[in-house]
């Protein structure tokens, strides 16, 4: 099994995302920082998750920023060249961000256009004019 991984941000909060190439299983973990220790622990958790499910992780594809982790991980890694990215995980990051943005905008639209949402806005407006 080959896994791709990367870090992405949502509202300045870092997340570690991994995706397997064959079965397209995604894992996302909120991480406190991007230190090598935190990333090593996160990636080793992902590898152990696959092992518990009966899969053998052969290699992890990562961006160049993960190069320092090679000696700390249980699985060999393949680091992309400078100015290169791992395409599978980058696509999943874009998909996650697009879907979450659409979901957020849709929820605001539903709230604004529902009778209950308008009622709440009117109640707040009426209380402020007392």
Protein backbone atom coordinates (compact mmCIF):
# COMPACT_ATOMS: atom_id res chain seq x y z
CA UNK A 1 0.00 0.00 0.00
CA UNK A 2 1.29 3.45 -0.90
CA UNK A 3 0.20 6.44 1.17
CA UNK A 4 0.45 10.14 0.31
CA UNK A 5 0.47 12.73 3.10
CA UNK A 6 0.67 16.48 3.59
CA UNK A 7 -0.21 19.26 6.02
CA UNK A 8 -2.91 21.81 5.24
CA UNK A 9 -4.47 24.70 7.13
CA UNK A 10 -8.06 25.68 7.85
CA UNK A 11 -8.41 29.00 9.68
CA UNK A 12 -4.71 28.83 10.59
CA UNK A 13 -5.19 25.41 12.25
CA UNK A 14 -2.86 22.71 10.86
CA UNK A 15 -4.18 19.31 9.84
CA UNK A 16 -2.27 16.22 8.75
CA UNK A 17 -4.00 14.53 5.80
CA UNK A 18 -3.14 11.12 4.39
CA UNK A 19 -4.72 9.24 1.50
CA UNK A 20 -3.99 5.74 0.23
CA UNK A 21 -3.51 5.43 -3.51
CA UNK A 22 -5.42 2.18 -4.10
CA UNK A 23 -8.42 2.34 -1.77
CA UNK A 24 -8.57 6.16 -1.39
CA UNK A 25 -8.97 5.96 2.38
CA UNK A 26 -8.53 9.41 3.96
CA UNK A 27 -7.32 10.23 7.45
CA UNK A 28 -7.28 13.75 8.85
CA UNK A 29 -5.79 14.71 12.18
CA UNK A 30 -5.71 18.12 13.80
CA UNK A 31 -2.14 18.72 14.95
CA UNK A 32 -0.90 21.37 17.39
CA UNK A 33 2.13 22.34 15.28
CA UNK A 34 4.33 21.25 12.39
CA UNK A 35 7.30 20.08 14.41
CA UNK A 36 9.09 16.93 13.31
CA UNK A 37 8.05 15.14 16.50
CA UNK A 38 4.35 15.90 15.94
CA UNK A 39 4.48 14.87 12.27
CA UNK A 40 6.35 11.66 13.11
CA UNK A 41 3.76 10.68 15.72
CA UNK A 42 0.91 11.48 13.31
CA UNK A 43 2.37 9.50 10.41
CA UNK A 44 3.21 6.53 12.64
CA UNK A 45 -0.43 6.55 13.85
CA UNK A 46 -1.60 6.38 10.24
CA UNK A 47 0.74 3.47 9.50
CA UNK A 48 -0.42 1.59 12.61
CA UNK A 49 -4.06 2.17 11.58
CA UNK A 50 -3.41 0.47 8.25
CA UNK A 51 -1.55 -2.38 9.95
CA UNK A 52 -4.47 -2.99 12.32
CA UNK A 53 -6.75 -3.23 9.29
CA UNK A 54 -4.48 -5.83 7.71
CA UNK A 55 -2.71 -3.64 5.15
CA UNK A 56 1.05 -3.39 4.73
CA UNK A 57 2.29 0.14 4.03
CA UNK A 58 5.26 -0.07 1.67
CA UNK A 59 6.07 3.63 1.20
CA UNK A 60 4.81 7.11 2.08
CA UNK A 61 4.97 9.89 -0.54
CA UNK A 62 5.62 13.30 1.00
CA UNK A 63 6.61 16.87 0.16
CA UNK A 64 10.16 18.07 0.67
CA UNK A 65 9.31 19.55 4.09
CA UNK A 66 9.05 16.01 5.49
CA UNK A 67 12.58 15.01 4.48
CA UNK A 68 13.88 15.30 8.04
CA UNK A 69 11.45 12.58 9.21
CA UNK A 70 13.02 9.71 7.28
CA UNK A 71 15.04 8.34 10.19
CA UNK A 72 12.12 8.53 12.65
CA UNK A 73 9.40 6.75 10.64
CA UNK A 74 8.73 3.02 10.60
CA UNK A 75 8.14 3.04 6.82
CA UNK A 76 10.41 4.27 4.00
CA UNK A 77 9.45 7.60 2.47
CA UNK A 78 9.79 9.10 -0.99
CA UNK A 79 10.20 12.87 -0.91
CA UNK A 80 9.08 14.96 -3.88
CA UNK A 81 11.68 17.17 -5.55
CA UNK A 82 11.99 20.88 -4.81
CA UNK A 83 8.99 22.90 -6.07
CA UNK A 84 7.07 19.65 -6.60
CA UNK A 85 4.04 18.34 -4.77
CA UNK A 86 2.40 14.97 -4.30
CA UNK A 87 -0.59 15.29 -6.66
CA UNK A 88 -3.06 12.87 -5.03
CA UNK A 89 -3.01 14.41 -1.58
CA UNK A 90 -2.95 17.97 -2.98
CA UNK A 91 -6.15 17.20 -4.90
CA UNK A 92 -7.81 15.84 -1.75
CA UNK A 93 -6.84 19.01 0.15
CA UNK A 94 -8.48 21.16 -2.54
CA UNK A 95 -11.59 18.97 -2.46
CA UNK A 96 -11.88 19.19 1.34
CA UNK A 97 -11.49 22.97 1.31
CA UNK A 98 -13.98 23.43 -1.54
CA UNK A 99 -16.61 21.22 0.07
CA UNK A 100 -16.26 22.82 3.48
CA UNK A 101 -16.54 26.31 1.97
CA UNK A 102 -19.66 25.31 0.02
CA UNK A 103 -21.20 23.66 3.08
CA UNK A 104 -20.58 26.78 5.17
CA UNK A 105 -22.09 29.07 2.51
CA UNK A 106 -25.05 26.74 2.08
CA UNK A 107 -25.74 26.73 5.82
CA UNK A 108 -25.68 30.55 5.89
CA UNK A 109 -28.06 30.61 2.89
CA UNK A 110 -30.47 28.18 4.57
CA UNK A 111 -30.42 30.15 7.80
CA UNK A 112 -31.04 33.48 6.07
CA UNK A 113 -33.84 32.15 3.87
CA UNK A 114 -35.70 30.09 6.44
CA UNK A 115 -38.68 31.60 8.28
CA UNK A 116 -37.05 30.68 11.59
CA UNK A 117 -33.82 32.44 10.61
CA UNK A 118 -35.69 35.62 9.61
CA UNK A 119 -37.70 35.45 12.82
CA UNK A 120 -34.52 35.25 14.92
CA UNK A 121 -33.02 38.22 13.07
CA UNK A 122 -36.23 40.23 13.60
CA UNK A 123 -36.30 39.32 17.30
CA UNK A 124 -32.72 40.51 17.74
CA UNK A 125 -33.51 43.71 15.84
CA UNK A 126 -36.65 44.38 17.89
CA UNK A 127 -34.85 43.83 21.20
CA UNK A 128 -32.10 46.25 20.25
CA UNK A 129 -34.63 48.99 19.47
CA UNK A 130 -36.37 48.81 22.88
